[in-house]
Amino acid sequence: SGNRRLDTGNGAINTPAFLSDKLFLMNGKVAIDGLADEGS
């Protein structure tokens, strides 16, 4: 909501969210994908 910026710390930035709640190690590498505010 528009009021969220008034009652939430950090300027009400939507915290980043991973697309998966599990990370898998494959060939020594971990791919991480997610969503956050654009340009953040």
PDB file of all heavy atoms in Angstrom:
ATOM      1  N   SER A   1       0.853  -1.189   0.000  1.00  0.00           N
ATOM      2  CA  SER A   1       0.000   0.000   0.000  1.00  0.00           C
ATOM      3  C   SER A   1       0.885   1.233   0.000  1.00  0.00           C
ATOM      4  O   SER A   1       2.070   1.168   0.327  1.00  0.00           O
ATOM      5  CB  SER A   1      -0.915   0.016   1.230  1.00  0.00           C
ATOM      6  OG  SER A   1      -0.180   0.392   2.373  1.00  0.00           O
ATOM      7  N   GLY A   2       0.306   2.389  -0.343  1.00  0.00           N
ATOM      8  CA  GLY A   2       1.044   3.638  -0.341  1.00  0.00           C
ATOM      9  C   GLY A   2       1.493   4.050   1.043  1.00  0.00           C
ATOM     10  O   GLY A   2       2.468   4.782   1.201  1.00  0.00           O
ATOM     11  N   ASN A   3       0.794   3.584   2.066  1.00  0.00           N
ATOM     12  CA  ASN A   3       1.147   3.936   3.443  1.00  0.00           C
ATOM     13  C   ASN A   3       2.272   3.076   4.005  1.00  0.00           C
ATOM     14  O   ASN A   3       2.814   3.390   5.056  1.00  0.00           O
ATOM     15  CB  ASN A   3      -0.071   3.811   4.353  1.00  0.00           C
ATOM     16  CG  ASN A   3      -1.115   4.850   4.030  1.00  0.00           C
ATOM     17  OD1 ASN A   3      -0.779   5.965   3.649  1.00  0.00           O
ATOM     18  ND2 ASN A   3      -2.370   4.488   4.171  1.00  0.00           N
ATOM     19  N   ARG A   4       2.616   2.003   3.329  1.00  0.00           N
ATOM     20  CA  ARG A   4       3.632   1.088   3.847  1.00  0.00           C
ATOM     21  C   ARG A   4       4.958   1.809   4.070  1.00  0.00           C
ATOM     22  O   ARG A   4       5.683   1.510   5.002  1.00  0.00           O
ATOM     23  CB  ARG A   4       3.816  -0.087   2.896  1.00  0.00           C
ATOM     24  CG  ARG A   4       4.842  -1.111   3.330  1.00  0.00           C
ATOM     25  CD  ARG A   4       4.492  -1.880   4.563  1.00  0.00           C
ATOM     26  NE  ARG A   4       3.438  -2.808   4.275  1.00  0.00           N
ATOM     27  CZ  ARG A   4       2.723  -3.420   5.188  1.00  0.00           C
ATOM     28  NH1 ARG A   4       2.962  -3.197   6.461  1.00  0.00           N
ATOM     29  NH2 ARG A   4       1.765  -4.232   4.864  1.00  0.00           N
ATOM     30  N   ARG A   5       5.273   2.787   3.230  1.00  0.00           N
ATOM     31  CA  ARG A   5       6.537   3.511   3.388  1.00  0.00           C
ATOM     32  C   ARG A   5       6.590   4.285   4.701  1.00  0.00           C
ATOM     33  O   ARG A   5       7.649   4.568   5.224  1.00  0.00           O
ATOM     34  CB  ARG A   5       6.773   4.450   2.216  1.00  0.00           C
ATOM     35  CG  ARG A   5       7.132   3.723   0.951  1.00  0.00           C
ATOM     36  CD  ARG A   5       7.631   4.698  -0.110  1.00  0.00           C
ATOM     37  NE  ARG A   5       7.846   4.040  -1.364  1.00  0.00           N
ATOM     38  CZ  ARG A   5       8.950   3.385  -1.685  1.00  0.00           C
ATOM     39  NH1 ARG A   5       9.928   3.303  -0.816  1.00  0.00           N
ATOM     40  NH2 ARG A   5       9.083   2.821  -2.857  1.00  0.00           N
ATOM     41  N   LEU A   6       5.420   4.642   5.245  1.00  0.00           N
ATOM     42  CA  LEU A   6       5.370   5.408   6.482  1.00  0.00           C
ATOM     43  C   LEU A   6       5.572   4.536   7.717  1.00  0.00           C
ATOM     44  O   LEU A   6       6.055   5.014   8.735  1.00  0.00           O
ATOM     45  CB  LEU A   6       4.026   6.136   6.598  1.00  0.00           C
ATOM     46  CG  LEU A   6       3.708   7.129   5.474  1.00  0.00           C
ATOM     47  CD1 LEU A   6       2.295   7.670   5.640  1.00  0.00           C
ATOM     48  CD2 LEU A   6       4.728   8.259   5.457  1.00  0.00           C
ATOM     49  N   ASP A   7       5.199   3.267   7.639  1.00  0.00           N
ATOM     50  CA  ASP A   7       5.240   2.431   8.840  1.00  0.00           C
ATOM     51  C   ASP A   7       6.218   1.264   8.753  1.00  0.00           C
ATOM     52  O   ASP A   7       6.180   0.356   9.561  1.00  0.00           O
ATOM     53  CB  ASP A   7       3.847   1.913   9.186  1.00  0.00           C
ATOM     54  CG  ASP A   7       3.228   1.049   8.099  1.00  0.00           C
ATOM     55  OD1 ASP A   7       3.898   0.795   7.088  1.00  0.00           O
ATOM     56  OD2 ASP A   7       2.077   0.622   8.272  1.00  0.00           O
ATOM     57  N   THR A   8       7.131   1.300   7.776  1.00  0.00           N
ATOM     58  CA  THR A   8       8.096   0.223   7.602  1.00  0.00           C
ATOM     59  C   THR A   8       9.491   0.806   7.464  1.00  0.00           C
ATOM     60  O   THR A   8       9.673   1.834   6.816  1.00  0.00           O
ATOM     61  CB  THR A   8       7.759  -0.606   6.341  1.00  0.00           C
ATOM     62  OG1 THR A   8       6.437  -1.084   6.447  1.00  0.00           O
ATOM     63  CG2 THR A   8       8.695  -1.775   6.175  1.00  0.00           C
ATOM     64  N   GLY A   9      10.468   0.149   8.050  1.00  0.00           N
ATOM     65  CA  GLY A   9      11.850   0.597   7.933  1.00  0.00           C
ATOM     66  C   GLY A   9      12.388   0.405   6.529  1.00  0.00           C
ATOM     67  O   GLY A   9      11.766  -0.213   5.664  1.00  0.00           O
ATOM     68  N   ASN A  10      13.556   0.952   6.278  1.00  0.00           N
ATOM     69  CA  ASN A  10      14.267   0.805   5.005  1.00  0.00           C
ATOM     70  C   ASN A  10      13.484   1.358   3.820  1.00  0.00           C
ATOM     71  O   ASN A  10      13.617   0.864   2.706  1.00  0.00           O
ATOM     72  CB  ASN A  10      14.644  -0.654   4.736  1.00  0.00           C
ATOM     73  CG  ASN A  10      15.550  -1.224   5.792  1.00  0.00           C
ATOM     74  OD1 ASN A  10      16.427  -0.529   6.279  1.00  0.00           O
ATOM     75  ND2 ASN A  10      15.327  -2.464   6.166  1.00  0.00           N
ATOM     76  N   GLY A  11      12.631   2.372   4.043  1.00  0.00           N
ATOM     77  CA  GLY A  11      11.887   2.972   2.944  1.00  0.00           C
ATOM     78  C   GLY A  11      10.915   2.019   2.287  1.00  0.00           C
ATOM     79  O   GLY A  11      10.526   2.216   1.155  1.00  0.00           O
ATOM     80  N   ALA A  12      10.536   0.987   2.996  1.00  0.00           N
ATOM     81  CA  ALA A  12       9.585  -0.017   2.504  1.00  0.00           C
ATOM     82  C   ALA A  12      10.053  -0.678   1.217  1.00  0.00           C
ATOM     83  O   ALA A  12       9.277  -0.985   0.334  1.00  0.00           O
ATOM     84  CB  ALA A  12       8.192   0.577   2.328  1.00  0.00           C
ATOM     85  N   ILE A  13      11.348  -0.923   1.141  1.00  0.00           N
ATOM     86  CA  ILE A  13      11.875  -1.652  -0.008  1.00  0.00           C
ATOM     87  C   ILE A  13      11.318  -3.066   0.039  1.00  0.00           C
ATOM     88  O   ILE A  13      11.316  -3.705   1.085  1.00  0.00           O
ATOM     89  CB  ILE A  13      13.415  -1.702   0.052  1.00  0.00           C
ATOM     90  CG1 ILE A  13      13.990  -0.300  -0.048  1.00  0.00           C
ATOM     91  CG2 ILE A  13      13.986  -2.610  -1.014  1.00  0.00           C
ATOM     92  CD1 ILE A  13      15.467  -0.226   0.276  1.00  0.00           C
ATOM     93  N   ASN A  14      10.807  -3.544  -1.083  1.00  0.00           N
ATOM     94  CA  ASN A  14      10.400  -4.937  -1.141  1.00  0.00           C
ATOM     95  C   ASN A  14      11.669  -5.777  -1.098  1.00  0.00           C
ATOM     96  O   ASN A  14      12.543  -5.646  -1.953  1.00  0.00           O
ATOM     97  CB  ASN A  14       9.616  -5.247  -2.417  1.00  0.00           C
ATOM     98  CG  ASN A  14       8.147  -4.969  -2.260  1.00  0.00           C
ATOM     99  OD1 ASN A  14       7.617  -4.988  -1.157  1.00  0.00           O
ATOM    100  ND2 ASN A  14       7.482  -4.705  -3.356  1.00  0.00           N
ATOM    101  N   THR A  15      11.783  -6.595  -0.085  1.00  0.00           N
ATOM    102  CA  THR A  15      12.983  -7.405   0.047  1.00  0.00           C
ATOM    103  C   THR A  15      13.079  -8.397  -1.106  1.00  0.00           C
ATOM    104  O   THR A  15      12.058  -8.880  -1.606  1.00  0.00           O
ATOM    105  CB  THR A  15      12.995  -8.166   1.384  1.00  0.00           C
ATOM    106  OG1 THR A  15      11.800  -8.925   1.490  1.00  0.00           O
ATOM    107  CG2 THR A  15      13.091  -7.215   2.541  1.00  0.00           C
ATOM    108  N   PRO A  16      14.286  -8.695  -1.543  1.00  0.00           N
ATOM    109  CA  PRO A  16      14.457  -9.673  -2.614  1.00  0.00           C
ATOM    110  C   PRO A  16      13.874 -11.027  -2.211  1.00  0.00           C
ATOM    111  O   PRO A  16      13.880 -11.383  -1.029  1.00  0.00           O
ATOM    112  CB  PRO A  16      15.971  -9.768  -2.788  1.00  0.00           C
ATOM    113  CG  PRO A  16      16.500  -8.520  -2.186  1.00  0.00           C
ATOM    114  CD  PRO A  16      15.562  -8.150  -1.101  1.00  0.00           C
ATOM    115  N   ALA A  17      13.385 -11.756  -3.184  1.00  0.00           N
ATOM    116  CA  ALA A  17      12.830 -13.091  -2.946  1.00  0.00           C
ATOM    117  C   ALA A  17      13.460 -14.057  -3.941  1.00  0.00           C
ATOM    118  O   ALA A  17      13.490 -13.788  -5.148  1.00  0.00           O
ATOM    119  CB  ALA A  17      11.318 -13.075  -3.106  1.00  0.00           C
ATOM    120  N   PHE A  18      13.976 -15.158  -3.433  1.00  0.00           N
ATOM    121  CA  PHE A  18      14.508 -16.191  -4.322  1.00  0.00           C
ATOM    122  C   PHE A  18      13.348 -16.921  -4.997  1.00  0.00           C
ATOM    123  O   PHE A  18      12.281 -17.067  -4.417  1.00  0.00           O
ATOM    124  CB  PHE A  18      15.358 -17.193  -3.540  1.00  0.00           C
ATOM    125  CG  PHE A  18      16.581 -16.589  -2.910  1.00  0.00           C
ATOM    126  CD1 PHE A  18      16.826 -16.763  -1.570  1.00  0.00           C
ATOM    127  CD2 PHE A  18      17.486 -15.855  -3.657  1.00  0.00           C
ATOM    128  CE1 PHE A  18      17.953 -16.216  -0.970  1.00  0.00           C
ATOM    129  CE2 PHE A  18      18.611 -15.300  -3.077  1.00  0.00           C
ATOM    130  CZ  PHE A  18      18.842 -15.484  -1.728  1.00  0.00           C
ATOM    131  N   LEU A  19      13.564 -17.398  -6.210  1.00  0.00           N
ATOM    132  CA  LEU A  19      12.524 -18.135  -6.920  1.00  0.00           C
ATOM    133  C   LEU A  19      12.342 -19.539  -6.363  1.00  0.00           C
ATOM    134  O   LEU A  19      11.310 -20.156  -6.571  1.00  0.00           O
ATOM    135  CB  LEU A  19      12.826 -18.192  -8.421  1.00  0.00           C
ATOM    136  CG  LEU A  19      12.815 -16.842  -9.148  1.00  0.00           C
ATOM    137  CD1 LEU A  19      13.044 -17.049 -10.643  1.00  0.00           C
ATOM    138  CD2 LEU A  19      11.512 -16.094  -8.908  1.00  0.00           C
ATOM    139  N   SER A  20      13.345 -20.036  -5.644  1.00  0.00           N
ATOM    140  CA  SER A  20      13.258 -21.357  -5.032  1.00  0.00           C
ATOM    141  C   SER A  20      13.719 -21.270  -3.586  1.00  0.00           C
ATOM    142  O   SER A  20      14.595 -20.467  -3.261  1.00  0.00           O
ATOM    143  CB  SER A  20      14.138 -22.353  -5.794  1.00  0.00           C
ATOM    144  OG  SER A  20      14.171 -23.601  -5.132  1.00  0.00           O
ATOM    145  N   ASP A  21      13.134 -22.079  -2.730  1.00  0.00           N
ATOM    146  CA  ASP A  21      13.579 -22.091  -1.337  1.00  0.00           C
ATOM    147  C   ASP A  21      14.722 -23.076  -1.111  1.00  0.00           C
ATOM    148  O   ASP A  21      15.191 -23.253   0.007  1.00  0.00           O
ATOM    149  CB  ASP A  21      12.419 -22.389  -0.391  1.00  0.00           C
ATOM    150  CG  ASP A  21      11.796 -23.752  -0.613  1.00  0.00           C
ATOM    151  OD1 ASP A  21      12.117 -24.409  -1.621  1.00  0.00           O
ATOM    152  OD2 ASP A  21      10.982 -24.168   0.218  1.00  0.00           O
ATOM    153  N   LYS A  22      15.197 -23.707  -2.187  1.00  0.00           N
ATOM    154  CA  LYS A  22      16.319 -24.644  -2.096  1.00  0.00           C
ATOM    155  C   LYS A  22      17.354 -24.273  -3.144  1.00  0.00           C
ATOM    156  O   LYS A  22      17.028 -23.843  -4.240  1.00  0.00           O
ATOM    157  CB  LYS A  22      15.839 -26.070  -2.343  1.00  0.00           C
ATOM    158  CG  LYS A  22      14.927 -26.590  -1.259  1.00  0.00           C
ATOM    159  CD  LYS A  22      14.531 -28.025  -1.544  1.00  0.00           C
ATOM    160  CE  LYS A  22      13.708 -28.605  -0.431  1.00  0.00           C
ATOM    161  NZ  LYS A  22      12.382 -28.051  -0.320  1.00  0.00           N
ATOM    162  N   LEU A  23      18.619 -24.427  -2.782  1.00  0.00           N
ATOM    163  CA  LEU A  23      19.717 -24.200  -3.710  1.00  0.00           C
ATOM    164  C   LEU A  23      20.437 -25.522  -3.917  1.00  0.00           C
ATOM    165  O   LEU A  23      20.681 -26.260  -2.965  1.00  0.00           O
ATOM    166  CB  LEU A  23      20.690 -23.160  -3.145  1.00  0.00           C
ATOM    167  CG  LEU A  23      20.091 -21.799  -2.825  1.00  0.00           C
ATOM    168  CD1 LEU A  23      21.131 -20.900  -2.188  1.00  0.00           C
ATOM    169  CD2 LEU A  23      19.520 -21.157  -4.065  1.00  0.00           C
ATOM    170  N   PHE A  24      20.776 -25.817  -5.157  1.00  0.00           N
ATOM    171  CA  PHE A  24      21.395 -27.096  -5.486  1.00  0.00           C
ATOM    172  C   PHE A  24      22.793 -26.881  -6.042  1.00  0.00           C
ATOM    173  O   PHE A  24      22.999 -26.067  -6.937  1.00  0.00           O
ATOM    174  CB  PHE A  24      20.549 -27.866  -6.498  1.00  0.00           C
ATOM    175  CG  PHE A  24      19.188 -28.222  -5.971  1.00  0.00           C
ATOM    176  CD1 PHE A  24      18.085 -27.453  -6.299  1.00  0.00           C
ATOM    177  CD2 PHE A  24      19.021 -29.305  -5.125  1.00  0.00           C
ATOM    178  CE1 PHE A  24      16.831 -27.770  -5.809  1.00  0.00           C
ATOM    179  CE2 PHE A  24      17.774 -29.627  -4.633  1.00  0.00           C
ATOM    180  CZ  PHE A  24      16.680 -28.857  -4.975  1.00  0.00           C
ATOM    181  N   LEU A  25      23.753 -27.602  -5.503  1.00  0.00           N
ATOM    182  CA  LEU A  25      25.120 -27.573  -5.971  1.00  0.00           C
ATOM    183  C   LEU A  25      25.248 -28.556  -7.127  1.00  0.00           C
ATOM    184  O   LEU A  25      25.027 -29.755  -6.959  1.00  0.00           O
ATOM    185  CB  LEU A  25      26.067 -27.953  -4.822  1.00  0.00           C
ATOM    186  CG  LEU A  25      27.548 -27.884  -5.104  1.00  0.00           C
ATOM    187  CD1 LEU A  25      27.974 -26.450  -5.378  1.00  0.00           C
ATOM    188  CD2 LEU A  25      28.326 -28.448  -3.916  1.00  0.00           C
ATOM    189  N   MET A  26      25.573 -28.030  -8.315  1.00  0.00           N
ATOM    190  CA  MET A  26      25.718 -28.884  -9.499  1.00  0.00           C
ATOM    191  C   MET A  26      27.037 -28.531 -10.175  1.00  0.00           C
ATOM    192  O   MET A  26      27.250 -27.375 -10.558  1.00  0.00           O
ATOM    193  CB  MET A  26      24.546 -28.675 -10.459  1.00  0.00           C
ATOM    194  CG  MET A  26      23.204 -29.085  -9.852  1.00  0.00           C
ATOM    195  SD  MET A  26      21.798 -28.766 -10.928  1.00  0.00           S
ATOM    196  CE  MET A  26      22.139 -29.927 -12.218  1.00  0.00           C
ATOM    197  N   ASN A  27      27.905 -29.518 -10.304  1.00  0.00           N
ATOM    198  CA  ASN A  27      29.220 -29.325 -10.912  1.00  0.00           C
ATOM    199  C   ASN A  27      29.984 -28.188 -10.231  1.00  0.00           C
ATOM    200  O   ASN A  27      30.647 -27.395 -10.884  1.00  0.00           O
ATOM    201  CB  ASN A  27      29.089 -29.052 -12.416  1.00  0.00           C
ATOM    202  CG  ASN A  27      28.475 -30.215 -13.155  1.00  0.00           C
ATOM    203  OD1 ASN A  27      28.734 -31.371 -12.845  1.00  0.00           O
ATOM    204  ND2 ASN A  27      27.646 -29.919 -14.132  1.00  0.00           N
ATOM    205  N   GLY A  28      29.860 -28.094  -8.919  1.00  0.00           N
ATOM    206  CA  GLY A  28      30.576 -27.090  -8.154  1.00  0.00           C
ATOM    207  C   GLY A  28      29.991 -25.685  -8.225  1.00  0.00           C
ATOM    208  O   GLY A  28      30.610 -24.737  -7.770  1.00  0.00           O
ATOM    209  N   LYS A  29      28.797 -25.550  -8.813  1.00  0.00           N
ATOM    210  CA  LYS A  29      28.185 -24.232  -8.976  1.00  0.00           C
ATOM    211  C   LYS A  29      26.754 -24.217  -8.439  1.00  0.00           C
ATOM    212  O   LYS A  29      26.070 -25.235  -8.450  1.00  0.00           O
ATOM    213  CB  LYS A  29      28.173 -23.826 -10.447  1.00  0.00           C
ATOM    214  CG  LYS A  29      29.555 -23.679 -11.036  1.00  0.00           C
ATOM    215  CD  LYS A  29      29.487 -23.284 -12.480  1.00  0.00           C
ATOM    216  CE  LYS A  29      30.911 -23.190 -13.044  1.00  0.00           C
ATOM    217  NZ  LYS A  29      30.909 -22.830 -14.440  1.00  0.00           N
ATOM    218  N   VAL A  30      26.332 -23.027  -7.980  1.00  0.00           N
ATOM    219  CA  VAL A  30      24.967 -22.823  -7.507  1.00  0.00           C
ATOM    220  C   VAL A  30      24.380 -21.649  -8.281  1.00  0.00           C
ATOM    221  O   VAL A  30      24.957 -20.555  -8.297  1.00  0.00           O
ATOM    222  CB  VAL A  30      24.936 -22.504  -5.994  1.00  0.00           C
ATOM    223  CG1 VAL A  30      23.530 -22.145  -5.540  1.00  0.00           C
ATOM    224  CG2 VAL A  30      25.473 -23.670  -5.189  1.00  0.00           C
ATOM    225  N   ALA A  31      23.245 -21.864  -8.956  1.00  0.00           N
ATOM    226  CA  ALA A  31      22.550 -20.794  -9.664  1.00  0.00           C
ATOM    227  C   ALA A  31      21.500 -20.192  -8.742  1.00  0.00           C
ATOM    228  O   ALA A  31      20.740 -20.919  -8.102  1.00  0.00           O
ATOM    229  CB  ALA A  31      21.889 -21.332 -10.931  1.00  0.00           C
ATOM    230  N   ILE A  32      21.493 -18.869  -8.644  1.00  0.00           N
ATOM    231  CA  ILE A  32      20.534 -18.166  -7.797  1.00  0.00           C
ATOM    232  C   ILE A  32      19.736 -17.209  -8.665  1.00  0.00           C
ATOM    233  O   ILE A  32      20.307 -16.384  -9.385  1.00  0.00           O
ATOM    234  CB  ILE A  32      21.256 -17.395  -6.672  1.00  0.00           C
ATOM    235  CG1 ILE A  32      22.001 -18.383  -5.780  1.00  0.00           C
ATOM    236  CG2 ILE A  32      20.264 -16.562  -5.869  1.00  0.00           C
ATOM    237  CD1 ILE A  32      22.807 -17.743  -4.687  1.00  0.00           C
ATOM    238  N   ASP A  33      18.423 -17.345  -8.619  1.00  0.00           N
ATOM    239  CA  ASP A  33      17.509 -16.487  -9.362  1.00  0.00           C
ATOM    240  C   ASP A  33      16.488 -15.910  -8.400  1.00  0.00           C
ATOM    241  O   ASP A  33      16.079 -16.585  -7.452  1.00  0.00           O
ATOM    242  CB  ASP A  33      16.769 -17.298 -10.441  1.00  0.00           C
ATOM    243  CG  ASP A  33      17.719 -17.869 -11.465  1.00  0.00           C
ATOM    244  OD1 ASP A  33      18.221 -17.093 -12.285  1.00  0.00           O
ATOM    245  OD2 ASP A  33      17.956 -19.091 -11.443  1.00  0.00           O
ATOM    246  N   GLY A  34      16.061 -14.668  -8.655  1.00  0.00           N
ATOM    247  CA  GLY A  34      15.079 -14.085  -7.761  1.00  0.00           C
ATOM    248  C   GLY A  34      14.431 -12.840  -8.328  1.00  0.00           C
ATOM    249  O   GLY A  34      14.677 -12.447  -9.472  1.00  0.00           O
ATOM    250  N   LEU A  35      13.595 -12.226  -7.497  1.00  0.00           N
ATOM    251  CA  LEU A  35      12.874 -11.006  -7.848  1.00  0.00           C
ATOM    252  C   LEU A  35      13.119  -9.951  -6.781  1.00  0.00           C
ATOM    253  O   LEU A  35      13.204 -10.261  -5.592  1.00  0.00           O
ATOM    254  CB  LEU A  35      11.371 -11.278  -7.943  1.00  0.00           C
ATOM    255  CG  LEU A  35      10.933 -12.255  -9.021  1.00  0.00           C
ATOM    256  CD1 LEU A  35       9.447 -12.570  -8.872  1.00  0.00           C
ATOM    257  CD2 LEU A  35      11.204 -11.683 -10.396  1.00  0.00           C
ATOM    258  N   ALA A  36      13.237  -8.691  -7.221  1.00  0.00           N
ATOM    259  CA  ALA A  36      13.438  -7.558  -6.318  1.00  0.00           C
ATOM    260  C   ALA A  36      12.846  -6.324  -6.997  1.00  0.00           C
ATOM    261  O   ALA A  36      12.377  -6.400  -8.145  1.00  0.00           O
ATOM    262  CB  ALA A  36      14.923  -7.356  -6.048  1.00  0.00           C
ATOM    263  N   ASP A  37      12.860  -5.185  -6.316  1.00  0.00           N
ATOM    264  CA  ASP A  37      12.441  -3.948  -6.959  1.00  0.00           C
ATOM    265  C   ASP A  37      13.336  -3.698  -8.161  1.00  0.00           C
ATOM    266  O   ASP A  37      14.553  -3.921  -8.103  1.00  0.00           O
ATOM    267  CB  ASP A  37      12.536  -2.771  -5.993  1.00  0.00           C
ATOM    268  CG  ASP A  37      11.390  -2.729  -4.991  1.00  0.00           C
ATOM    269  OD1 ASP A  37      10.381  -3.433  -5.201  1.00  0.00           O
ATOM    270  OD2 ASP A  37      11.504  -1.981  -4.010  1.00  0.00           O
ATOM    271  N   GLU A  38      12.756  -3.240  -9.263  1.00  0.00           N
ATOM    272  CA  GLU A  38      13.535  -3.036 -10.485  1.00  0.00           C
ATOM    273  C   GLU A  38      14.690  -2.071 -10.251  1.00  0.00           C
ATOM    274  O   GLU A  38      14.568  -1.086  -9.524  1.00  0.00           O
ATOM    275  CB  GLU A  38      12.656  -2.525 -11.618  1.00  0.00           C
ATOM    276  CG  GLU A  38      12.072  -1.151 -11.389  1.00  0.00           C
ATOM    277  CD  GLU A  38      11.225  -0.679 -12.554  1.00  0.00           C
ATOM    278  OE1 GLU A  38      10.205  -1.329 -12.826  1.00  0.00           O
ATOM    279  OE2 GLU A  38      11.592   0.351 -13.149  1.00  0.00           O
ATOM    280  N   GLY A  39      15.839  -2.410 -10.809  1.00  0.00           N
ATOM    281  CA  GLY A  39      17.020  -1.577 -10.699  1.00  0.00           C
ATOM    282  C   GLY A  39      17.727  -1.614  -9.357  1.00  0.00           C
ATOM    283  O   GLY A  39      18.758  -0.969  -9.190  1.00  0.00           O
ATOM    284  N   SER A  40      17.187  -2.369  -8.412  1.00  0.00           N
ATOM    285  CA  SER A  40      17.823  -2.405  -7.092  1.00  0.00           C
ATOM    286  C   SER A  40      19.047  -3.316  -7.106  1.00  0.00           C
ATOM    287  O   SER A  40      19.176  -4.219  -7.921  1.00  0.00           O
ATOM    288  CB  SER A  40      16.831  -2.856  -6.020  1.00  0.00           C
ATOM    289  OG  SER A  40      16.375  -4.159  -6.273  1.00  0.00           O
TER     290      SER A  40
END
